[in-house]
């Protein structure tokens, strides 16, 4: 069973959580000013890395909070979890 490390509740079974997509995606400041291509990229373009990947998770059957976590896409193991708004712990920026 995959254990997801909630920053507030500690490691819990994956069935308590819902995946919220890639972390650190910034919404355009003025959505009316972006082109259709830019809006499409914001909505659909995501990275698909081999290795550490920052993801957003929601602890549905626990504390009810959203948080970010780093998960290795090769081993499927979590290496860190952190609050929304905090910098990525490994210092890597989204490319």
PDB file of N, CA and C in Angstrom:
ATOM      1  N   UNK A   1       0.837  -1.176   0.000  1.00  0.00           N
ATOM      2  CA  UNK A   1       0.000   0.000   0.000  1.00  0.00           C
ATOM      3  C   UNK A   1       0.884   1.242   0.000  1.00  0.00           C
ATOM      4  N   UNK A   2       0.493   2.215  -0.781  1.00  0.00           N
ATOM      5  CA  UNK A   2       1.218   3.476  -0.864  1.00  0.00           C
ATOM      6  C   UNK A   2       0.842   4.347   0.330  1.00  0.00           C
ATOM      7  N   UNK A   3       1.848   4.841   1.051  1.00  0.00           N
ATOM      8  CA  UNK A   3       1.615   5.752   2.164  1.00  0.00           C
ATOM      9  C   UNK A   3       1.933   7.170   1.713  1.00  0.00           C
ATOM     10  N   UNK A   4       0.967   8.072   1.875  1.00  0.00           N
ATOM     11  CA  UNK A   4       1.126   9.471   1.500  1.00  0.00           C
ATOM     12  C   UNK A   4       1.437  10.252   2.773  1.00  0.00           C
ATOM     13  N   UNK A   5       2.538  11.031   2.778  1.00  0.00           N
ATOM     14  CA  UNK A   5       2.934  11.759   3.994  1.00  0.00           C
ATOM     15  C   UNK A   5       2.237  13.109   4.141  1.00  0.00           C
ATOM     16  N   UNK A   6       1.126  13.145   4.842  1.00  0.00           N
ATOM     17  CA  UNK A   6       0.438  14.412   5.101  1.00  0.00           C
ATOM     18  C   UNK A   6       1.289  15.224   6.081  1.00  0.00           C
ATOM     19  N   UNK A   7       1.539  16.511   5.801  1.00  0.00           N
ATOM     20  CA  UNK A   7       2.353  17.319   6.716  1.00  0.00           C
ATOM     21  C   UNK A   7       1.730  17.489   8.101  1.00  0.00           C
ATOM     22  N   UNK A   8       0.425  17.324   8.214  1.00  0.00           N
ATOM     23  CA  UNK A   8      -0.254  17.520   9.498  1.00  0.00           C
ATOM     24  C   UNK A   8      -0.588  16.206  10.197  1.00  0.00           C
ATOM     25  N   UNK A   9      -0.913  15.162   9.442  1.00  0.00           N
ATOM     26  CA  UNK A   9      -1.368  13.894  10.037  1.00  0.00           C
ATOM     27  C   UNK A   9      -0.322  12.790   9.983  1.00  0.00           C
ATOM     28  N   UNK A  10       0.757  13.009   9.231  1.00  0.00           N
ATOM     29  CA  UNK A  10       1.771  11.967   9.076  1.00  0.00           C
ATOM     30  C   UNK A  10       1.403  11.012   7.950  1.00  0.00           C
ATOM     31  N   UNK A  11       2.177   9.944   7.774  1.00  0.00           N
ATOM     32  CA  UNK A  11       1.919   8.983   6.692  1.00  0.00           C
ATOM     33  C   UNK A  11       0.582   8.273   6.883  1.00  0.00           C
ATOM     34  N   UNK A  12      -0.222   8.294   5.832  1.00  0.00           N
ATOM     35  CA  UNK A  12      -1.536   7.662   5.863  1.00  0.00           C
ATOM     36  C   UNK A  12      -1.749   6.894   4.559  1.00  0.00           C
ATOM     37  N   UNK A  13      -2.642   5.895   4.535  1.00  0.00           N
ATOM     38  CA  UNK A  13      -2.895   5.122   3.310  1.00  0.00           C
ATOM     39  C   UNK A  13      -3.434   5.997   2.186  1.00  0.00           C
ATOM     40  N   UNK A  14      -3.057   5.668   0.974  1.00  0.00           N
ATOM     41  CA  UNK A  14      -3.432   6.469  -0.192  1.00  0.00           C
ATOM     42  C   UNK A  14      -4.941   6.597  -0.388  1.00  0.00           C
ATOM     43  N   UNK A  15      -5.736   5.669   0.114  1.00  0.00           N
ATOM     44  CA  UNK A  15      -7.186   5.733  -0.072  1.00  0.00           C
ATOM     45  C   UNK A  15      -7.813   6.926   0.651  1.00  0.00           C
ATOM     46  N   UNK A  16      -7.072   7.558   1.573  1.00  0.00           N
ATOM     47  CA  UNK A  16      -7.575   8.734   2.287  1.00  0.00           C
ATOM     48  C   UNK A  16      -7.406  10.024   1.487  1.00  0.00           C
ATOM     49  N   UNK A  17      -6.704   9.972   0.359  1.00  0.00           N
ATOM     50  CA  UNK A  17      -6.313  11.175  -0.374  1.00  0.00           C
ATOM     51  C   UNK A  17      -6.913  11.224  -1.769  1.00  0.00           C
ATOM     52  N   UNK A  18      -6.900  12.421  -2.319  1.00  0.00           N
ATOM     53  CA  UNK A  18      -7.244  12.636  -3.723  1.00  0.00           C
ATOM     54  C   UNK A  18      -6.103  13.427  -4.362  1.00  0.00           C
ATOM     55  N   UNK A  19      -5.713  12.983  -5.541  1.00  0.00           N
ATOM     56  CA  UNK A  19      -4.658  13.649  -6.303  1.00  0.00           C
ATOM     57  C   UNK A  19      -5.214  14.955  -6.853  1.00  0.00           C
ATOM     58  N   UNK A  20      -4.431  16.028  -6.747  1.00  0.00           N
ATOM     59  CA  UNK A  20      -4.886  17.347  -7.201  1.00  0.00           C
ATOM     60  C   UNK A  20      -4.118  17.906  -8.371  1.00  0.00           C
ATOM     61  N   UNK A  21      -3.282  17.101  -9.006  1.00  0.00           N
ATOM     62  CA  UNK A  21      -2.540  17.580 -10.166  1.00  0.00           C
ATOM     63  C   UNK A  21      -1.141  18.054  -9.821  1.00  0.00           C
ATOM     64  N   UNK A  22      -0.488  18.594 -10.818  1.00  0.00           N
ATOM     65  CA  UNK A  22       0.881  19.084 -10.653  1.00  0.00           C
ATOM     66  C   UNK A  22       0.898  20.322  -9.762  1.00  0.00           C
ATOM     67  N   UNK A  23       1.873  20.400  -8.884  1.00  0.00           N
ATOM     68  CA  UNK A  23       2.011  21.547  -7.975  1.00  0.00           C
ATOM     69  C   UNK A  23       2.737  22.697  -8.669  1.00  0.00           C
ATOM     70  N   UNK A  24       2.615  23.865  -8.113  1.00  0.00           N
ATOM     71  CA  UNK A  24       3.320  25.080  -8.533  1.00  0.00           C
ATOM     72  C   UNK A  24       2.907  25.574  -9.913  1.00  0.00           C
ATOM     73  N   UNK A  25       1.670  25.308 -10.312  1.00  0.00           N
ATOM     74  CA  UNK A  25       1.126  25.849 -11.552  1.00  0.00           C
ATOM     75  C   UNK A  25       0.504  27.205 -11.205  1.00  0.00           C
ATOM     76  N   UNK A  26       0.978  28.257 -11.837  1.00  0.00           N
ATOM     77  CA  UNK A  26       0.521  29.611 -11.510  1.00  0.00           C
ATOM     78  C   UNK A  26      -0.533  30.059 -12.511  1.00  0.00           C
ATOM     79  N   UNK A  27      -1.682  30.426 -11.998  1.00  0.00           N
ATOM     80  CA  UNK A  27      -2.772  30.928 -12.841  1.00  0.00           C
ATOM     81  C   UNK A  27      -2.384  32.291 -13.392  1.00  0.00           C
ATOM     82  N   UNK A  28      -2.721  32.579 -14.654  1.00  0.00           N
ATOM     83  CA  UNK A  28      -2.419  33.904 -15.208  1.00  0.00           C
ATOM     84  C   UNK A  28      -3.064  35.012 -14.377  1.00  0.00           C
ATOM     85  N   UNK A  29      -2.331  36.093 -14.153  1.00  0.00           N
ATOM     86  CA  UNK A  29      -2.834  37.203 -13.331  1.00  0.00           C
ATOM     87  C   UNK A  29      -4.074  37.836 -13.954  1.00  0.00           C
ATOM     88  N   UNK A  30      -4.092  37.968 -15.269  1.00  0.00           N
ATOM     89  CA  UNK A  30      -5.236  38.545 -15.975  1.00  0.00           C
ATOM     90  C   UNK A  30      -5.674  37.561 -17.064  1.00  0.00           C
ATOM     91  N   UNK A  31      -6.558  36.622 -16.756  1.00  0.00           N
ATOM     92  CA  UNK A  31      -6.958  35.611 -17.733  1.00  0.00           C
ATOM     93  C   UNK A  31      -7.542  36.188 -19.022  1.00  0.00           C
ATOM     94  N   UNK A  32      -8.139  37.362 -18.948  1.00  0.00           N
ATOM     95  CA  UNK A  32      -8.723  37.979 -20.141  1.00  0.00           C
ATOM     96  C   UNK A  32      -7.655  38.448 -21.129  1.00  0.00           C
ATOM     97  N   UNK A  33      -6.423  38.636 -20.641  1.00  0.00           N
ATOM     98  CA  UNK A  33      -5.367  39.184 -21.487  1.00  0.00           C
ATOM     99  C   UNK A  33      -4.532  38.113 -22.191  1.00  0.00           C
ATOM    100  N   UNK A  34      -4.709  36.849 -21.827  1.00  0.00           N
ATOM    101  CA  UNK A  34      -3.882  35.805 -22.452  1.00  0.00           C
ATOM    102  C   UNK A  34      -4.517  35.316 -23.744  1.00  0.00           C
ATOM    103  N   UNK A  35      -3.674  34.827 -24.625  1.00  0.00           N
ATOM    104  CA  UNK A  35      -4.163  34.294 -25.895  1.00  0.00           C
ATOM    105  C   UNK A  35      -4.765  32.913 -25.676  1.00  0.00           C
ATOM    106  N   UNK A  36      -5.464  32.425 -26.686  1.00  0.00           N
ATOM    107  CA  UNK A  36      -6.036  31.080 -26.607  1.00  0.00           C
ATOM    108  C   UNK A  36      -4.941  30.031 -26.430  1.00  0.00           C
ATOM    109  N   UNK A  37      -3.812  30.232 -27.107  1.00  0.00           N
ATOM    110  CA  UNK A  37      -2.701  29.284 -27.000  1.00  0.00           C
ATOM    111  C   UNK A  37      -2.120  29.282 -25.582  1.00  0.00           C
ATOM    112  N   UNK A  38      -1.957  30.469 -24.995  1.00  0.00           N
ATOM    113  CA  UNK A  38      -1.438  30.566 -23.626  1.00  0.00           C
ATOM    114  C   UNK A  38      -2.412  29.952 -22.623  1.00  0.00           C
ATOM    115  N   UNK A  39      -3.706  30.188 -22.838  1.00  0.00           N
ATOM    116  CA  UNK A  39      -4.704  29.620 -21.933  1.00  0.00           C
ATOM    117  C   UNK A  39      -4.722  28.095 -22.056  1.00  0.00           C
ATOM    118  N   UNK A  40      -4.632  27.604 -23.281  1.00  0.00           N
ATOM    119  CA  UNK A  40      -4.569  26.154 -23.496  1.00  0.00           C
ATOM    120  C   UNK A  40      -3.357  25.536 -22.831  1.00  0.00           C
ATOM    121  N   UNK A  41      -2.217  26.212 -22.907  1.00  0.00           N
ATOM    122  CA  UNK A  41      -1.010  25.708 -22.244  1.00  0.00           C
ATOM    123  C   UNK A  41      -1.185  25.684 -20.728  1.00  0.00           C
ATOM    124  N   UNK A  42      -1.800  26.740 -20.171  1.00  0.00           N
ATOM    125  CA  UNK A  42      -2.053  26.768 -18.728  1.00  0.00           C
ATOM    126  C   UNK A  42      -2.954  25.609 -18.312  1.00  0.00           C
ATOM    127  N   UNK A  43      -3.982  25.346 -19.083  1.00  0.00           N
ATOM    128  CA  UNK A  43      -4.940  24.301 -18.719  1.00  0.00           C
ATOM    129  C   UNK A  43      -4.410  22.889 -18.917  1.00  0.00           C
ATOM    130  N   UNK A  44      -3.653  22.655 -19.980  1.00  0.00           N
ATOM    131  CA  UNK A  44      -3.346  21.279 -20.365  1.00  0.00           C
ATOM    132  C   UNK A  44      -1.877  20.873 -20.361  1.00  0.00           C
ATOM    133  N   UNK A  45      -0.960  21.803 -20.503  1.00  0.00           N
ATOM    134  CA  UNK A  45       0.459  21.436 -20.601  1.00  0.00           C
ATOM    135  C   UNK A  45       1.026  21.167 -19.212  1.00  0.00           C
ATOM    136  N   UNK A  46       1.487  19.971 -18.993  1.00  0.00           N
ATOM    137  CA  UNK A  46       2.085  19.587 -17.720  1.00  0.00           C
ATOM    138  C   UNK A  46       3.377  18.829 -18.000  1.00  0.00           C
ATOM    139  N   UNK A  47       4.258  18.861 -17.010  1.00  0.00           N
ATOM    140  CA  UNK A  47       5.498  18.108 -17.161  1.00  0.00           C
ATOM    141  C   UNK A  47       5.208  16.636 -16.905  1.00  0.00           C
ATOM    142  N   UNK A  48       6.065  15.795 -17.364  1.00  0.00           N
ATOM    143  CA  UNK A  48       5.935  14.360 -17.134  1.00  0.00           C
ATOM    144  C   UNK A  48       7.343  13.833 -16.853  1.00  0.00           C
ATOM    145  N   UNK A  49       7.922  14.237 -15.718  1.00  0.00           N
ATOM    146  CA  UNK A  49       9.320  13.906 -15.471  1.00  0.00           C
ATOM    147  C   UNK A  49       9.551  12.473 -15.037  1.00  0.00           C
ATOM    148  N   UNK A  50      10.751  12.021 -15.291  1.00  0.00           N
ATOM    149  CA  UNK A  50      11.213  10.760 -14.730  1.00  0.00           C
ATOM    150  C   UNK A  50      12.035  11.155 -13.510  1.00  0.00           C
ATOM    151  N   UNK A  51      11.536  10.826 -12.324  1.00  0.00           N
ATOM    152  CA  UNK A  51      12.209  11.227 -11.095  1.00  0.00           C
ATOM    153  C   UNK A  51      11.293  12.071 -10.233  1.00  0.00           C
ATOM    154  N   UNK A  52      11.868  13.024  -9.516  1.00  0.00           N
ATOM    155  CA  UNK A  52      11.110  13.844  -8.566  1.00  0.00           C
ATOM    156  C   UNK A  52      10.069  14.696  -9.284  1.00  0.00           C
ATOM    157  N   UNK A  53       8.848  14.647  -8.774  1.00  0.00           N
ATOM    158  CA  UNK A  53       7.740  15.387  -9.367  1.00  0.00           C
ATOM    159  C   UNK A  53       6.925  16.013  -8.236  1.00  0.00           C
ATOM    160  N   UNK A  54       6.685  17.327  -8.312  1.00  0.00           N
ATOM    161  CA  UNK A  54       5.901  18.029  -7.297  1.00  0.00           C
ATOM    162  C   UNK A  54       4.420  17.905  -7.636  1.00  0.00           C
ATOM    163  N   UNK A  55       3.647  17.404  -6.671  1.00  0.00           N
ATOM    164  CA  UNK A  55       2.229  17.166  -6.873  1.00  0.00           C
ATOM    165  C   UNK A  55       1.413  17.806  -5.755  1.00  0.00           C
ATOM    166  N   UNK A  56       0.161  18.092  -6.055  1.00  0.00           N
ATOM    167  CA  UNK A  56      -0.775  18.617  -5.054  1.00  0.00           C
ATOM    168  C   UNK A  56      -1.691  17.465  -4.632  1.00  0.00           C
ATOM    169  N   UNK A  57      -1.894  17.346  -3.320  1.00  0.00           N
ATOM    170  CA  UNK A  57      -2.746  16.294  -2.767  1.00  0.00           C
ATOM    171  C   UNK A  57      -3.749  16.903  -1.804  1.00  0.00           C
ATOM    172  N   UNK A  58      -4.887  16.223  -1.650  1.00  0.00           N
ATOM    173  CA  UNK A  58      -5.951  16.648  -0.733  1.00  0.00           C
ATOM    174  C   UNK A  58      -6.239  15.502   0.227  1.00  0.00           C
ATOM    175  N   UNK A  59      -6.150  15.762   1.522  1.00  0.00           N
ATOM    176  CA  UNK A  59      -6.408  14.728   2.531  1.00  0.00           C
ATOM    177  C   UNK A  59      -7.905  14.697   2.826  1.00  0.00           C
ATOM    178  N   UNK A  60      -8.639  14.044   1.969  1.00  0.00           N
ATOM    179  CA  UNK A  60     -10.095  14.005   2.011  1.00  0.00           C
ATOM    180  C   UNK A  60     -10.621  13.371   3.300  1.00  0.00           C
ATOM    181  N   UNK A  61     -10.096  12.216   3.658  1.00  0.00           N
ATOM    182  CA  UNK A  61     -10.589  11.483   4.834  1.00  0.00           C
ATOM    183  C   UNK A  61      -9.629  11.652   6.007  1.00  0.00           C
ATOM    184  N   UNK A  62      -9.237  12.876   6.255  1.00  0.00           N
ATOM    185  CA  UNK A  62      -8.321  13.188   7.350  1.00  0.00           C
ATOM    186  C   UNK A  62      -8.519  14.637   7.747  1.00  0.00           C
ATOM    187  N   UNK A  63      -7.458  15.414   7.648  1.00  0.00           N
ATOM    188  CA  UNK A  63      -7.511  16.816   8.088  1.00  0.00           C
ATOM    189  C   UNK A  63      -8.243  17.732   7.110  1.00  0.00           C
ATOM    190  N   UNK A  64      -8.498  17.263   5.879  1.00  0.00           N
ATOM    191  CA  UNK A  64      -9.228  18.075   4.914  1.00  0.00           C
ATOM    192  C   UNK A  64      -8.413  19.200   4.314  1.00  0.00           C
ATOM    193  N   UNK A  65      -7.089  19.078   4.320  1.00  0.00           N
ATOM    194  CA  UNK A  65      -6.222  20.143   3.795  1.00  0.00           C
ATOM    195  C   UNK A  65      -5.542  19.718   2.497  1.00  0.00           C
ATOM    196  N   UNK A  66      -5.246  20.718   1.679  1.00  0.00           N
ATOM    197  CA  UNK A  66      -4.405  20.513   0.500  1.00  0.00           C
ATOM    198  C   UNK A  66      -2.954  20.691   0.912  1.00  0.00           C
ATOM    199  N   UNK A  67      -2.052  19.986   0.254  1.00  0.00           N
ATOM    200  CA  UNK A  67      -0.621  20.148   0.473  1.00  0.00           C
ATOM    201  C   UNK A  67       0.109  19.688  -0.776  1.00  0.00           C
ATOM    202  N   UNK A  68       1.385  20.027  -0.849  1.00  0.00           N
ATOM    203  CA  UNK A  68       2.237  19.589  -1.947  1.00  0.00           C
ATOM    204  C   UNK A  68       3.128  18.456  -1.463  1.00  0.00           C
ATOM    205  N   UNK A  69       3.512  17.594  -2.386  1.00  0.00           N
ATOM    206  CA  UNK A  69       4.410  16.491  -2.045  1.00  0.00           C
ATOM    207  C   UNK A  69       5.325  16.216  -3.223  1.00  0.00           C
ATOM    208  N   UNK A  70       6.526  15.760  -2.917  1.00  0.00           N
ATOM    209  CA  UNK A  70       7.454  15.306  -3.952  1.00  0.00           C
ATOM    210  C   UNK A  70       7.371  13.788  -4.006  1.00  0.00           C
ATOM    211  N   UNK A  71       7.124  13.276  -5.210  1.00  0.00           N
ATOM    212  CA  UNK A  71       7.039  11.830  -5.407  1.00  0.00           C
ATOM    213  C   UNK A  71       7.967  11.451  -6.541  1.00  0.00           C
ATOM    214  N   UNK A  72       8.724  10.389  -6.340  1.00  0.00           N
ATOM    215  CA  UNK A  72       9.604   9.874  -7.384  1.00  0.00           C
ATOM    216  C   UNK A  72       8.742   9.039  -8.325  1.00  0.00           C
ATOM    217  N   UNK A  73       8.658   9.425  -9.581  1.00  0.00           N
ATOM    218  CA  UNK A  73       7.791   8.729 -10.530  1.00  0.00           C
ATOM    219  C   UNK A  73       8.341   7.375 -10.949  1.00  0.00           C
ATOM    220  N   UNK A  74       9.605   7.101 -10.660  1.00  0.00           N
ATOM    221  CA  UNK A  74      10.185   5.807 -10.993  1.00  0.00           C
ATOM    222  C   UNK A  74       9.858   4.783  -9.904  1.00  0.00           C
ATOM    223  N   UNK A  75      10.112   5.146  -8.654  1.00  0.00           N
ATOM    224  CA  UNK A  75       9.890   4.220  -7.544  1.00  0.00           C
ATOM    225  C   UNK A  75       8.502   4.365  -6.921  1.00  0.00           C
ATOM    226  N   UNK A  76       7.776   5.440  -7.231  1.00  0.00           N
ATOM    227  CA  UNK A  76       6.466   5.765  -6.674  1.00  0.00           C
ATOM    228  C   UNK A  76       6.536   6.043  -5.173  1.00  0.00           C
ATOM    229  N   UNK A  77       7.699   6.450  -4.685  1.00  0.00           N
ATOM    230  CA  UNK A  77       7.862   6.772  -3.265  1.00  0.00           C
ATOM    231  C   UNK A  77       7.851   8.285  -3.072  1.00  0.00           C
ATOM    232  N   UNK A  78       7.246   8.697  -1.968  1.00  0.00           N
ATOM    233  CA  UNK A  78       7.232  10.104  -1.602  1.00  0.00           C
ATOM    234  C   UNK A  78       8.526  10.431  -0.858  1.00  0.00           C
ATOM    235  N   UNK A  79       9.121  11.574  -1.190  1.00  0.00           N
ATOM    236  CA  UNK A  79      10.359  11.979  -0.530  1.00  0.00           C
ATOM    237  C   UNK A  79      10.169  13.182   0.384  1.00  0.00           C
ATOM    238  N   UNK A  80       9.073  13.922   0.203  1.00  0.00           N
ATOM    239  CA  UNK A  80       8.807  15.099   1.050  1.00  0.00           C
ATOM    240  C   UNK A  80       7.363  15.522   0.884  1.00  0.00           C
ATOM    241  N   UNK A  81       6.857  16.220   1.883  1.00  0.00           N
ATOM    242  CA  UNK A  81       5.560  16.882   1.772  1.00  0.00           C
ATOM    243  C   UNK A  81       5.694  18.247   2.438  1.00  0.00           C
ATOM    244  N   UNK A  82       4.946  19.209   1.942  1.00  0.00           N
ATOM    245  CA  UNK A  82       5.089  20.579   2.436  1.00  0.00           C
ATOM    246  C   UNK A  82       3.823  21.369   2.148  1.00  0.00           C
ATOM    247  N   UNK A  83       3.657  22.452   2.884  1.00  0.00           N
ATOM    248  CA  UNK A  83       2.454  23.269   2.766  1.00  0.00           C
ATOM    249  C   UNK A  83       2.396  23.991   1.428  1.00  0.00           C
ATOM    250  N   UNK A  84       1.178  24.249   0.965  1.00  0.00           N
ATOM    251  CA  UNK A  84       0.961  25.042  -0.239  1.00  0.00           C
ATOM    252  C   UNK A  84       1.576  26.425  -0.008  1.00  0.00           C
ATOM    253  N   UNK A  85       2.282  26.932  -0.981  1.00  0.00           N
ATOM    254  CA  UNK A  85       2.919  28.241  -0.871  1.00  0.00           C
ATOM    255  C   UNK A  85       4.369  28.165  -0.448  1.00  0.00           C
ATOM    256  N   UNK A  86       4.773  27.055   0.132  1.00  0.00           N
ATOM    257  CA  UNK A  86       6.174  26.871   0.517  1.00  0.00           C
ATOM    258  C   UNK A  86       6.982  26.486  -0.721  1.00  0.00           C
ATOM    259  N   UNK A  87       8.267  26.836  -0.746  1.00  0.00           N
ATOM    260  CA  UNK A  87       9.089  26.444  -1.894  1.00  0.00           C
ATOM    261  C   UNK A  87       9.303  24.936  -1.931  1.00  0.00           C
ATOM    262  N   UNK A  88       9.578  24.453  -3.108  1.00  0.00           N
ATOM    263  CA  UNK A  88       9.860  23.026  -3.286  1.00  0.00           C
ATOM    264  C   UNK A  88      11.112  22.667  -2.483  1.00  0.00           C
ATOM    265  N   UNK A  89      11.058  21.653  -1.614  1.00  0.00           N
ATOM    266  CA  UNK A  89      12.175  21.342  -0.706  1.00  0.00           C
ATOM    267  C   UNK A  89      13.510  21.020  -1.385  1.00  0.00           C
ATOM    268  N   UNK A  90      13.459  20.419  -2.572  1.00  0.00           N
ATOM    269  CA  UNK A  90      14.724  20.058  -3.229  1.00  0.00           C
ATOM    270  C   UNK A  90      15.311  21.200  -4.045  1.00  0.00           C
ATOM    271  N   UNK A  91      14.645  22.354  -4.066  1.00  0.00           N
ATOM    272  CA  UNK A  91      15.167  23.528  -4.752  1.00  0.00           C
ATOM    273  C   UNK A  91      14.982  23.524  -6.256  1.00  0.00           C
ATOM    274  N   UNK A  92      14.435  22.449  -6.809  1.00  0.00           N
ATOM    275  CA  UNK A  92      14.249  22.372  -8.260  1.00  0.00           C
ATOM    276  C   UNK A  92      13.091  23.261  -8.671  1.00  0.00           C
ATOM    277  N   UNK A  93      13.246  23.946  -9.777  1.00  0.00           N
ATOM    278  CA  UNK A  93      12.190  24.799 -10.314  1.00  0.00           C
ATOM    279  C   UNK A  93      11.481  24.045 -11.430  1.00  0.00           C
ATOM    280  N   UNK A  94      10.234  24.398 -11.641  1.00  0.00           N
ATOM    281  CA  UNK A  94       9.494  23.818 -12.768  1.00  0.00           C
ATOM    282  C   UNK A  94      10.122  24.318 -14.063  1.00  0.00           C
ATOM    283  N   UNK A  95      10.386  23.402 -14.966  1.00  0.00           N
ATOM    284  CA  UNK A  95      11.001  23.803 -16.241  1.00  0.00           C
ATOM    285  C   UNK A  95       9.953  24.070 -17.296  1.00  0.00           C
TER     286      UNK A  95
END
